[in-house]
N, C-alpha and C. Protein backbone atom coordinates (compact mmCIF):
# COMPACT_ATOMS: atom_id res chain seq x y z
N MET A 1 -14.92 6.10 -24.25
CA MET A 1 -13.87 5.55 -23.42
C MET A 1 -14.37 4.23 -22.81
N ASN A 2 -13.53 3.21 -22.87
CA ASN A 2 -13.98 1.93 -22.31
C ASN A 2 -13.84 1.96 -20.78
N PRO A 3 -14.53 1.04 -20.11
CA PRO A 3 -14.58 1.08 -18.63
C PRO A 3 -13.21 0.98 -17.94
N ILE A 4 -12.31 0.16 -18.46
CA ILE A 4 -11.00 0.03 -17.78
C ILE A 4 -10.20 1.32 -17.93
N ASP A 5 -10.29 1.96 -19.10
CA ASP A 5 -9.59 3.24 -19.29
C ASP A 5 -10.11 4.27 -18.29
N GLN A 6 -11.42 4.32 -18.17
CA GLN A 6 -12.05 5.28 -17.26
C GLN A 6 -11.66 4.99 -15.81
N LEU A 7 -11.67 3.73 -15.43
CA LEU A 7 -11.32 3.35 -14.06
C LEU A 7 -9.88 3.77 -13.74
N ILE A 8 -8.96 3.52 -14.66
CA ILE A 8 -7.56 3.89 -14.45
C ILE A 8 -7.43 5.40 -14.27
N MET A 9 -8.13 6.15 -15.09
CA MET A 9 -8.01 7.61 -15.05
C MET A 9 -8.75 8.25 -13.88
N GLU A 10 -9.75 7.57 -13.33
CA GLU A 10 -10.54 8.15 -12.25
C GLU A 10 -10.06 7.75 -10.86
N ARG A 11 -9.26 6.71 -10.74
CA ARG A 11 -8.78 6.29 -9.41
C ARG A 11 -7.95 7.40 -8.78
N ARG A 12 -8.13 7.58 -7.49
CA ARG A 12 -7.38 8.60 -6.76
C ARG A 12 -6.80 7.98 -5.49
N SER A 13 -5.72 8.55 -5.03
CA SER A 13 -5.19 8.20 -3.72
C SER A 13 -6.01 8.94 -2.68
N ILE A 14 -6.49 8.20 -1.71
CA ILE A 14 -7.39 8.75 -0.69
C ILE A 14 -6.62 8.94 0.62
N LYS A 15 -6.76 10.12 1.19
CA LYS A 15 -6.11 10.42 2.46
C LYS A 15 -7.12 10.61 3.59
N LYS A 16 -8.36 10.90 3.24
CA LYS A 16 -9.41 11.10 4.24
C LYS A 16 -10.47 10.02 4.06
N PHE A 17 -10.67 9.26 5.13
CA PHE A 17 -11.56 8.11 5.08
C PHE A 17 -12.73 8.27 6.03
N LYS A 18 -13.86 7.68 5.62
CA LYS A 18 -14.97 7.52 6.55
C LYS A 18 -14.55 6.45 7.56
N THR A 19 -15.18 6.45 8.71
CA THR A 19 -14.83 5.45 9.72
C THR A 19 -15.62 4.15 9.54
N ASP A 20 -16.47 4.08 8.53
CA ASP A 20 -17.28 2.88 8.27
C ASP A 20 -16.38 1.66 8.12
N THR A 21 -16.80 0.55 8.68
CA THR A 21 -16.08 -0.71 8.58
C THR A 21 -16.07 -1.20 7.13
N VAL A 22 -14.93 -1.73 6.73
CA VAL A 22 -14.80 -2.38 5.43
C VAL A 22 -14.71 -3.88 5.69
N ASP A 23 -15.49 -4.66 4.97
CA ASP A 23 -15.54 -6.10 5.17
C ASP A 23 -14.21 -6.76 4.79
N VAL A 24 -13.61 -7.45 5.74
CA VAL A 24 -12.34 -8.12 5.52
C VAL A 24 -12.47 -9.16 4.40
N GLU A 25 -13.59 -9.84 4.33
CA GLU A 25 -13.78 -10.85 3.27
C GLU A 25 -13.76 -10.20 1.89
N GLU A 26 -14.25 -8.98 1.78
CA GLU A 26 -14.19 -8.28 0.50
C GLU A 26 -12.75 -7.95 0.13
N ILE A 27 -11.95 -7.58 1.11
CA ILE A 27 -10.53 -7.31 0.85
C ILE A 27 -9.83 -8.58 0.39
N ILE A 28 -10.13 -9.69 1.03
CA ILE A 28 -9.55 -10.98 0.61
C ILE A 28 -9.95 -11.29 -0.83
N GLU A 29 -11.21 -11.08 -1.15
CA GLU A 29 -11.69 -11.29 -2.52
C GLU A 29 -10.93 -10.40 -3.50
N LEU A 30 -10.74 -9.14 -3.14
CA LEU A 30 -10.01 -8.21 -4.02
C LEU A 30 -8.56 -8.62 -4.20
N LEU A 31 -7.93 -9.10 -3.14
CA LEU A 31 -6.55 -9.57 -3.25
C LEU A 31 -6.47 -10.82 -4.14
N ASN A 32 -7.50 -11.66 -4.07
CA ASN A 32 -7.53 -12.84 -4.94
C ASN A 32 -7.70 -12.46 -6.41
N ILE A 33 -8.35 -11.36 -6.66
CA ILE A 33 -8.46 -10.84 -8.03
C ILE A 33 -7.11 -10.23 -8.44
N ALA A 34 -6.54 -9.43 -7.56
CA ALA A 34 -5.31 -8.70 -7.86
C ALA A 34 -4.12 -9.60 -8.13
N LYS A 35 -4.14 -10.80 -7.57
CA LYS A 35 -2.99 -11.71 -7.72
C LYS A 35 -2.74 -12.15 -9.16
N TRP A 36 -3.64 -11.82 -10.06
CA TRP A 36 -3.47 -12.17 -11.46
C TRP A 36 -2.58 -11.18 -12.20
N ALA A 37 -1.83 -10.40 -11.47
CA ALA A 37 -0.87 -9.45 -12.06
C ALA A 37 0.23 -10.22 -12.80
N PRO A 38 0.87 -9.56 -13.76
CA PRO A 38 2.03 -10.18 -14.41
C PRO A 38 3.06 -10.58 -13.35
N ASN A 39 3.55 -11.81 -13.45
CA ASN A 39 4.43 -12.34 -12.43
C ASN A 39 5.34 -13.39 -13.06
N HIS A 40 6.58 -12.99 -13.36
CA HIS A 40 7.54 -13.86 -14.01
C HIS A 40 7.69 -15.16 -13.22
N LYS A 41 7.55 -16.26 -13.89
CA LYS A 41 7.65 -17.60 -13.32
C LYS A 41 6.55 -17.91 -12.29
N VAL A 42 5.59 -17.02 -12.15
CA VAL A 42 4.46 -17.20 -11.23
C VAL A 42 4.94 -17.66 -9.84
N ASN A 43 5.94 -16.95 -9.33
CA ASN A 43 6.46 -17.30 -8.00
C ASN A 43 5.73 -16.57 -6.87
N GLU A 44 4.78 -15.69 -7.23
CA GLU A 44 3.96 -14.97 -6.25
C GLU A 44 4.81 -14.45 -5.09
N PRO A 45 5.66 -13.46 -5.36
CA PRO A 45 6.62 -12.99 -4.36
C PRO A 45 6.01 -12.00 -3.36
N TRP A 46 4.99 -12.43 -2.67
CA TRP A 46 4.33 -11.51 -1.75
C TRP A 46 3.70 -12.25 -0.59
N ARG A 47 3.57 -11.50 0.48
CA ARG A 47 2.74 -11.91 1.60
C ARG A 47 2.17 -10.62 2.19
N PHE A 48 1.10 -10.74 2.93
CA PHE A 48 0.39 -9.56 3.42
C PHE A 48 0.01 -9.72 4.88
N GLN A 49 -0.10 -8.58 5.54
CA GLN A 49 -0.66 -8.51 6.88
C GLN A 49 -1.80 -7.50 6.80
N LEU A 50 -2.98 -7.89 7.24
CA LEU A 50 -4.14 -7.00 7.24
C LEU A 50 -4.49 -6.67 8.68
N TYR A 51 -4.43 -5.40 9.00
CA TYR A 51 -4.75 -4.92 10.35
C TYR A 51 -6.15 -4.33 10.34
N ALA A 52 -7.02 -4.93 11.13
CA ALA A 52 -8.43 -4.53 11.18
C ALA A 52 -8.89 -4.49 12.63
N GLY A 53 -9.93 -3.71 12.90
CA GLY A 53 -10.52 -3.66 14.23
C GLY A 53 -9.47 -3.38 15.30
N ALA A 54 -9.54 -4.15 16.38
CA ALA A 54 -8.60 -3.97 17.49
C ALA A 54 -7.16 -4.31 17.07
N GLY A 55 -7.00 -5.11 16.02
CA GLY A 55 -5.67 -5.46 15.53
C GLY A 55 -4.89 -4.28 14.98
N LYS A 56 -5.59 -3.20 14.64
CA LYS A 56 -4.90 -2.00 14.14
C LYS A 56 -3.95 -1.44 15.19
N GLU A 57 -4.26 -1.68 16.46
CA GLU A 57 -3.42 -1.11 17.52
C GLU A 57 -2.00 -1.67 17.46
N LYS A 58 -1.83 -2.91 17.03
CA LYS A 58 -0.48 -3.47 16.88
C LYS A 58 0.30 -2.68 15.83
N PHE A 59 -0.34 -2.36 14.72
CA PHE A 59 0.27 -1.56 13.67
C PHE A 59 0.63 -0.17 14.21
N VAL A 60 -0.32 0.45 14.89
CA VAL A 60 -0.13 1.81 15.42
C VAL A 60 0.99 1.81 16.46
N GLN A 61 1.01 0.82 17.34
CA GLN A 61 2.04 0.77 18.38
C GLN A 61 3.42 0.56 17.76
N ALA A 62 3.50 -0.26 16.72
CA ALA A 62 4.78 -0.46 16.03
C ALA A 62 5.26 0.86 15.43
N PHE A 63 4.34 1.62 14.84
CA PHE A 63 4.68 2.93 14.31
C PHE A 63 5.19 3.84 15.43
N LEU A 64 4.44 3.91 16.54
CA LEU A 64 4.83 4.78 17.66
C LEU A 64 6.20 4.39 18.24
N ASP A 65 6.42 3.09 18.38
CA ASP A 65 7.72 2.63 18.91
C ASP A 65 8.86 3.06 17.99
N SER A 66 8.62 3.06 16.69
CA SER A 66 9.67 3.46 15.75
C SER A 66 9.89 4.97 15.73
N MET A 67 8.98 5.73 16.31
CA MET A 67 9.08 7.19 16.33
C MET A 67 9.72 7.73 17.61
N LYS A 68 9.98 6.87 18.58
CA LYS A 68 10.53 7.32 19.86
C LYS A 68 11.89 7.98 19.66
N THR A 69 12.08 9.06 20.37
CA THR A 69 13.37 9.75 20.35
C THR A 69 14.36 8.99 21.24
N SER A 70 15.60 9.42 21.25
CA SER A 70 16.63 8.74 22.04
C SER A 70 16.32 8.74 23.54
N ASP A 71 15.52 9.72 23.98
CA ASP A 71 15.14 9.74 25.40
C ASP A 71 13.80 9.04 25.66
N GLY A 72 13.29 8.32 24.66
CA GLY A 72 12.08 7.54 24.83
C GLY A 72 10.77 8.30 24.66
N GLU A 73 10.86 9.55 24.26
CA GLU A 73 9.66 10.37 24.06
C GLU A 73 9.10 10.16 22.64
N ILE A 74 7.80 10.35 22.53
CA ILE A 74 7.15 10.29 21.21
C ILE A 74 6.75 11.71 20.84
N PRO A 75 7.25 12.21 19.71
CA PRO A 75 6.92 13.58 19.30
C PRO A 75 5.42 13.76 19.08
N PRO A 76 4.90 14.95 19.39
CA PRO A 76 3.46 15.22 19.20
C PRO A 76 2.97 14.93 17.77
N LYS A 77 3.80 15.21 16.79
CA LYS A 77 3.42 14.96 15.40
C LYS A 77 3.16 13.46 15.18
N ALA A 78 3.98 12.61 15.80
CA ALA A 78 3.79 11.16 15.69
C ALA A 78 2.52 10.71 16.41
N LEU A 79 2.21 11.33 17.54
CA LEU A 79 0.98 11.00 18.26
C LEU A 79 -0.25 11.37 17.42
N ASN A 80 -0.18 12.51 16.74
CA ASN A 80 -1.28 12.91 15.84
C ASN A 80 -1.43 11.93 14.69
N LYS A 81 -0.31 11.52 14.11
CA LYS A 81 -0.33 10.55 13.01
C LYS A 81 -0.89 9.21 13.49
N ALA A 82 -0.55 8.82 14.69
CA ALA A 82 -1.07 7.56 15.25
C ALA A 82 -2.59 7.61 15.36
N GLN A 83 -3.13 8.73 15.79
CA GLN A 83 -4.59 8.84 15.88
C GLN A 83 -5.22 8.78 14.49
N TYR A 84 -4.59 9.42 13.52
CA TYR A 84 -5.05 9.35 12.13
C TYR A 84 -5.08 7.88 11.67
N PHE A 85 -4.02 7.12 11.98
CA PHE A 85 -3.97 5.71 11.61
C PHE A 85 -5.08 4.91 12.30
N ARG A 86 -5.35 5.21 13.55
CA ARG A 86 -6.41 4.50 14.28
C ARG A 86 -7.77 4.71 13.63
N ASP A 87 -7.98 5.88 13.07
CA ASP A 87 -9.27 6.22 12.47
C ASP A 87 -9.48 5.62 11.08
N ILE A 88 -8.42 5.15 10.45
CA ILE A 88 -8.52 4.53 9.13
C ILE A 88 -8.99 3.08 9.32
N PRO A 89 -10.00 2.65 8.56
CA PRO A 89 -10.57 1.32 8.79
C PRO A 89 -9.61 0.14 8.68
N LEU A 90 -8.73 0.13 7.67
CA LEU A 90 -7.86 -1.03 7.45
C LEU A 90 -6.46 -0.59 7.03
N HIS A 91 -5.48 -1.41 7.42
CA HIS A 91 -4.09 -1.21 6.98
C HIS A 91 -3.60 -2.55 6.44
N LEU A 92 -3.09 -2.52 5.23
CA LEU A 92 -2.53 -3.73 4.62
C LEU A 92 -1.04 -3.49 4.40
N VAL A 93 -0.22 -4.38 4.94
CA VAL A 93 1.22 -4.29 4.73
C VAL A 93 1.59 -5.33 3.68
N ALA A 94 2.23 -4.87 2.61
CA ALA A 94 2.65 -5.75 1.51
C ALA A 94 4.15 -6.01 1.66
N ILE A 95 4.51 -7.28 1.72
CA ILE A 95 5.88 -7.70 2.02
C ILE A 95 6.36 -8.66 0.94
N MET A 96 7.61 -8.51 0.55
CA MET A 96 8.19 -9.42 -0.45
C MET A 96 9.54 -9.94 0.04
N PRO A 97 9.97 -11.09 -0.48
CA PRO A 97 11.30 -11.57 -0.15
C PRO A 97 12.35 -10.73 -0.90
N VAL A 98 13.50 -10.58 -0.29
CA VAL A 98 14.60 -9.86 -0.94
C VAL A 98 15.55 -10.92 -1.49
N ASP A 99 15.54 -11.06 -2.78
CA ASP A 99 16.41 -12.03 -3.44
C ASP A 99 17.75 -11.36 -3.70
N PRO A 100 18.87 -12.03 -3.43
CA PRO A 100 20.18 -11.40 -3.67
C PRO A 100 20.49 -11.19 -5.16
N ARG A 101 19.74 -11.86 -6.02
CA ARG A 101 19.95 -11.69 -7.46
C ARG A 101 19.16 -10.46 -7.91
N GLN A 102 19.84 -9.45 -8.45
CA GLN A 102 19.20 -8.18 -8.81
C GLN A 102 18.04 -8.37 -9.77
N ARG A 103 18.21 -9.24 -10.75
CA ARG A 103 17.13 -9.45 -11.71
C ARG A 103 15.87 -9.97 -11.02
N ARG A 104 16.03 -10.98 -10.17
CA ARG A 104 14.88 -11.55 -9.46
C ARG A 104 14.26 -10.51 -8.54
N LEU A 105 15.08 -9.72 -7.86
CA LEU A 105 14.57 -8.66 -6.98
C LEU A 105 13.73 -7.67 -7.78
N ASP A 106 14.24 -7.25 -8.93
CA ASP A 106 13.49 -6.30 -9.78
C ASP A 106 12.19 -6.92 -10.29
N GLU A 107 12.25 -8.17 -10.72
CA GLU A 107 11.04 -8.84 -11.22
C GLU A 107 10.00 -8.99 -10.11
N ASP A 108 10.45 -9.35 -8.92
CA ASP A 108 9.53 -9.52 -7.80
C ASP A 108 8.90 -8.19 -7.39
N TYR A 109 9.71 -7.15 -7.34
CA TYR A 109 9.19 -5.82 -6.99
C TYR A 109 8.17 -5.36 -8.03
N GLY A 110 8.48 -5.59 -9.30
CA GLY A 110 7.54 -5.24 -10.36
C GLY A 110 6.24 -6.02 -10.26
N ALA A 111 6.35 -7.31 -9.94
CA ALA A 111 5.15 -8.15 -9.82
C ALA A 111 4.28 -7.67 -8.66
N LEU A 112 4.90 -7.39 -7.51
CA LEU A 112 4.11 -6.94 -6.36
C LEU A 112 3.51 -5.56 -6.62
N SER A 113 4.27 -4.69 -7.25
CA SER A 113 3.73 -3.36 -7.58
C SER A 113 2.55 -3.47 -8.54
N SER A 114 2.65 -4.35 -9.52
CA SER A 114 1.54 -4.57 -10.45
C SER A 114 0.33 -5.13 -9.71
N MET A 115 0.59 -6.05 -8.80
CA MET A 115 -0.49 -6.65 -8.02
C MET A 115 -1.20 -5.59 -7.18
N LEU A 116 -0.42 -4.69 -6.58
CA LEU A 116 -1.01 -3.63 -5.76
C LEU A 116 -1.82 -2.64 -6.61
N GLN A 117 -1.38 -2.37 -7.82
CA GLN A 117 -2.16 -1.51 -8.71
C GLN A 117 -3.48 -2.19 -9.09
N ASN A 118 -3.42 -3.49 -9.39
CA ASN A 118 -4.66 -4.23 -9.65
C ASN A 118 -5.60 -4.13 -8.46
N PHE A 119 -5.04 -4.30 -7.27
CA PHE A 119 -5.81 -4.24 -6.03
C PHE A 119 -6.49 -2.87 -5.88
N GLN A 120 -5.74 -1.81 -6.12
CA GLN A 120 -6.30 -0.47 -6.01
C GLN A 120 -7.44 -0.25 -7.01
N LEU A 121 -7.25 -0.71 -8.23
CA LEU A 121 -8.28 -0.52 -9.26
C LEU A 121 -9.53 -1.33 -8.96
N ALA A 122 -9.35 -2.58 -8.55
CA ALA A 122 -10.52 -3.42 -8.24
C ALA A 122 -11.27 -2.86 -7.04
N ALA A 123 -10.54 -2.36 -6.05
CA ALA A 123 -11.18 -1.78 -4.87
C ALA A 123 -11.91 -0.48 -5.24
N TRP A 124 -11.28 0.35 -6.06
CA TRP A 124 -11.90 1.62 -6.48
C TRP A 124 -13.23 1.36 -7.19
N GLN A 125 -13.26 0.31 -7.99
CA GLN A 125 -14.48 -0.05 -8.70
C GLN A 125 -15.62 -0.34 -7.73
N ARG A 126 -15.28 -0.79 -6.52
CA ARG A 126 -16.28 -1.13 -5.50
C ARG A 126 -16.48 0.00 -4.48
N GLY A 127 -15.85 1.14 -4.73
CA GLY A 127 -16.04 2.28 -3.83
C GLY A 127 -15.08 2.32 -2.65
N ILE A 128 -14.07 1.47 -2.66
CA ILE A 128 -13.08 1.45 -1.59
C ILE A 128 -11.85 2.21 -2.07
N GLY A 129 -11.43 3.17 -1.28
CA GLY A 129 -10.25 3.96 -1.63
C GLY A 129 -9.07 3.58 -0.76
N MET A 130 -7.90 3.97 -1.20
CA MET A 130 -6.68 3.68 -0.43
C MET A 130 -5.56 4.61 -0.85
N ILE A 131 -4.54 4.59 -0.04
CA ILE A 131 -3.31 5.29 -0.39
C ILE A 131 -2.15 4.34 -0.13
N TRP A 132 -1.24 4.33 -1.06
CA TRP A 132 -0.03 3.51 -0.98
C TRP A 132 1.02 4.34 -0.27
N ARG A 133 1.42 3.91 0.90
CA ARG A 133 2.44 4.63 1.68
C ARG A 133 3.73 3.81 1.73
N SER A 134 4.84 4.51 1.60
CA SER A 134 6.16 3.88 1.77
C SER A 134 7.04 4.85 2.55
N ASN A 135 6.55 5.25 3.71
CA ASN A 135 7.24 6.22 4.55
C ASN A 135 8.52 5.65 5.14
N ASP A 136 9.37 6.53 5.67
CA ASP A 136 10.66 6.12 6.23
C ASP A 136 10.53 5.05 7.31
N TRP A 137 9.48 5.12 8.11
CA TRP A 137 9.39 4.20 9.24
C TRP A 137 9.21 2.74 8.83
N ILE A 138 8.83 2.47 7.58
CA ILE A 138 8.72 1.05 7.18
C ILE A 138 10.10 0.39 7.06
N TYR A 139 11.15 1.22 7.04
CA TYR A 139 12.52 0.71 6.98
C TYR A 139 13.13 0.60 8.38
N ASP A 140 12.46 1.13 9.38
CA ASP A 140 12.98 1.15 10.73
C ASP A 140 12.95 -0.25 11.33
N PRO A 141 14.08 -0.74 11.84
CA PRO A 141 14.11 -2.10 12.42
C PRO A 141 13.11 -2.29 13.56
N VAL A 142 12.82 -1.25 14.31
CA VAL A 142 11.86 -1.35 15.41
C VAL A 142 10.47 -1.66 14.86
N PHE A 143 10.05 -0.93 13.84
CA PHE A 143 8.74 -1.17 13.22
C PHE A 143 8.70 -2.56 12.60
N ARG A 144 9.72 -2.88 11.83
CA ARG A 144 9.76 -4.16 11.12
C ARG A 144 9.68 -5.33 12.10
N GLU A 145 10.47 -5.29 13.15
CA GLU A 145 10.46 -6.37 14.13
C GLU A 145 9.11 -6.46 14.84
N ALA A 146 8.55 -5.31 15.17
CA ALA A 146 7.28 -5.30 15.91
C ALA A 146 6.14 -5.95 15.13
N ILE A 147 6.19 -5.87 13.79
CA ILE A 147 5.11 -6.49 13.01
C ILE A 147 5.53 -7.83 12.41
N GLY A 148 6.74 -8.28 12.71
CA GLY A 148 7.16 -9.61 12.27
C GLY A 148 7.71 -9.68 10.86
N VAL A 149 8.34 -8.60 10.41
CA VAL A 149 9.02 -8.63 9.11
C VAL A 149 10.49 -8.93 9.40
N GLY A 150 10.94 -10.04 8.86
CA GLY A 150 12.28 -10.51 9.19
C GLY A 150 13.35 -10.09 8.23
N PRO A 151 14.58 -10.47 8.54
CA PRO A 151 15.68 -10.24 7.61
C PRO A 151 15.37 -10.97 6.30
N GLY A 152 15.78 -10.39 5.21
CA GLY A 152 15.50 -11.00 3.92
C GLY A 152 14.12 -10.69 3.39
N GLU A 153 13.42 -9.74 4.04
CA GLU A 153 12.10 -9.31 3.56
C GLU A 153 12.09 -7.79 3.43
N LYS A 154 11.27 -7.32 2.52
CA LYS A 154 11.13 -5.89 2.26
C LYS A 154 9.65 -5.52 2.35
N ILE A 155 9.36 -4.45 3.09
CA ILE A 155 8.01 -3.89 3.07
C ILE A 155 7.94 -2.99 1.84
N VAL A 156 7.06 -3.32 0.93
CA VAL A 156 6.90 -2.53 -0.28
C VAL A 156 5.91 -1.40 -0.07
N ALA A 157 4.89 -1.66 0.73
CA ALA A 157 3.86 -0.64 0.93
C ALA A 157 3.05 -0.91 2.18
N THR A 158 2.52 0.16 2.73
CA THR A 158 1.41 0.05 3.66
C THR A 158 0.24 0.70 2.93
N MET A 159 -0.78 -0.09 2.70
CA MET A 159 -1.97 0.39 2.00
C MET A 159 -3.02 0.72 3.06
N MET A 160 -3.31 1.99 3.19
CA MET A 160 -4.31 2.44 4.15
C MET A 160 -5.61 2.59 3.39
N MET A 161 -6.68 1.97 3.89
CA MET A 161 -7.89 1.91 3.06
C MET A 161 -9.18 2.01 3.84
N GLY A 162 -10.19 2.45 3.09
CA GLY A 162 -11.53 2.58 3.61
C GLY A 162 -12.40 3.27 2.57
N TYR A 163 -13.58 3.65 2.97
CA TYR A 163 -14.46 4.38 2.06
C TYR A 163 -14.05 5.85 2.07
N PRO A 164 -13.90 6.46 0.91
CA PRO A 164 -13.41 7.84 0.85
C PRO A 164 -14.36 8.83 1.52
N ALA A 165 -13.79 9.69 2.35
CA ALA A 165 -14.54 10.83 2.90
C ALA A 165 -14.36 12.04 1.99
N HIS A 166 -13.28 12.01 1.21
CA HIS A 166 -12.99 13.09 0.25
C HIS A 166 -12.21 12.49 -0.91
N VAL A 167 -12.64 12.80 -2.12
CA VAL A 167 -11.93 12.36 -3.32
C VAL A 167 -11.26 13.59 -3.93
N PRO A 168 -9.92 13.58 -3.98
CA PRO A 168 -9.21 14.73 -4.54
C PRO A 168 -9.52 14.93 -6.03
N GLU A 169 -9.35 16.15 -6.45
CA GLU A 169 -9.51 16.46 -7.87
C GLU A 169 -8.38 15.81 -8.66
N LYS A 170 -8.65 15.57 -9.92
CA LYS A 170 -7.64 15.02 -10.82
C LYS A 170 -6.53 16.05 -11.00
N GLN A 171 -5.30 15.60 -10.95
CA GLN A 171 -4.16 16.48 -11.22
C GLN A 171 -3.68 16.22 -12.64
N ALA A 172 -3.25 17.27 -13.29
CA ALA A 172 -2.79 17.16 -14.67
C ALA A 172 -1.61 16.20 -14.78
N ARG A 173 -1.55 15.53 -15.90
CA ARG A 173 -0.43 14.66 -16.22
C ARG A 173 0.20 15.15 -17.52
N THR A 174 1.49 14.95 -17.64
CA THR A 174 2.22 15.35 -18.84
C THR A 174 1.83 14.46 -20.01
N ASP A 175 1.59 15.05 -21.15
CA ASP A 175 1.32 14.26 -22.36
C ASP A 175 2.50 13.34 -22.59
N ILE A 176 2.23 12.08 -22.81
CA ILE A 176 3.28 11.07 -22.93
C ILE A 176 4.23 11.38 -24.08
N ARG A 177 3.78 12.13 -25.07
CA ARG A 177 4.66 12.48 -26.19
C ARG A 177 5.90 13.24 -25.72
N GLU A 178 5.77 13.93 -24.60
CA GLU A 178 6.91 14.68 -24.05
C GLU A 178 7.90 13.76 -23.33
N LYS A 179 7.50 12.53 -23.08
CA LYS A 179 8.35 11.59 -22.36
C LYS A 179 8.70 10.35 -23.21
N LEU A 180 8.34 10.41 -24.49
CA LEU A 180 8.47 9.26 -25.36
C LEU A 180 9.45 9.57 -26.49
N GLU A 181 10.37 8.66 -26.67
CA GLU A 181 11.26 8.73 -27.81
C GLU A 181 10.92 7.56 -28.72
N ILE A 182 10.54 7.86 -29.95
CA ILE A 182 10.20 6.81 -30.91
C ILE A 182 11.43 6.56 -31.79
N ILE A 183 11.87 5.35 -31.80
CA ILE A 183 13.05 4.97 -32.60
C ILE A 183 12.53 4.03 -33.68
N ASP A 184 12.47 4.54 -34.89
CA ASP A 184 11.90 3.74 -35.96
C ASP A 184 12.86 3.48 -37.11
N GLN A 185 14.12 3.77 -36.90
CA GLN A 185 15.13 3.47 -37.93
C GLN A 185 16.41 3.02 -37.30
């Protein structure tokens, strides 16, 4: 098996992280590698926010504000999740423009998704794990406004990352033959 095949098959989504600091410059380097994803017309339809160190609190507070109930209370489950977020070394928010043309929107989403997969693979090669999150709160206007995501922009992912404290076992995948129709006539 060649190295890229092995890397693709061994990468895992990480939910439990060590608290060790991850070098921001290394993340920038990885993003510069990942940007070579397929990208129609090379319009680079992405921008990022990286929350590190004390800056993570802005991300966490935006999450908490979006979780408030109508009476202004924050549910205990959200408080627990906030502490989990605080313990994760880095949070990367991936944002793209929302083009009113469906084709451009689809191409841009595909380009950013490809870029994020490149990012995950390059990071995994260096021992950095992450999980791609697209939870309901990324659509909440309170969260979006708090982190500066404006109208005409879409949050595609929050990438939570650090050094893995636990690597999950590989889960079985369906043989592609069961999902493939070959049309040869």
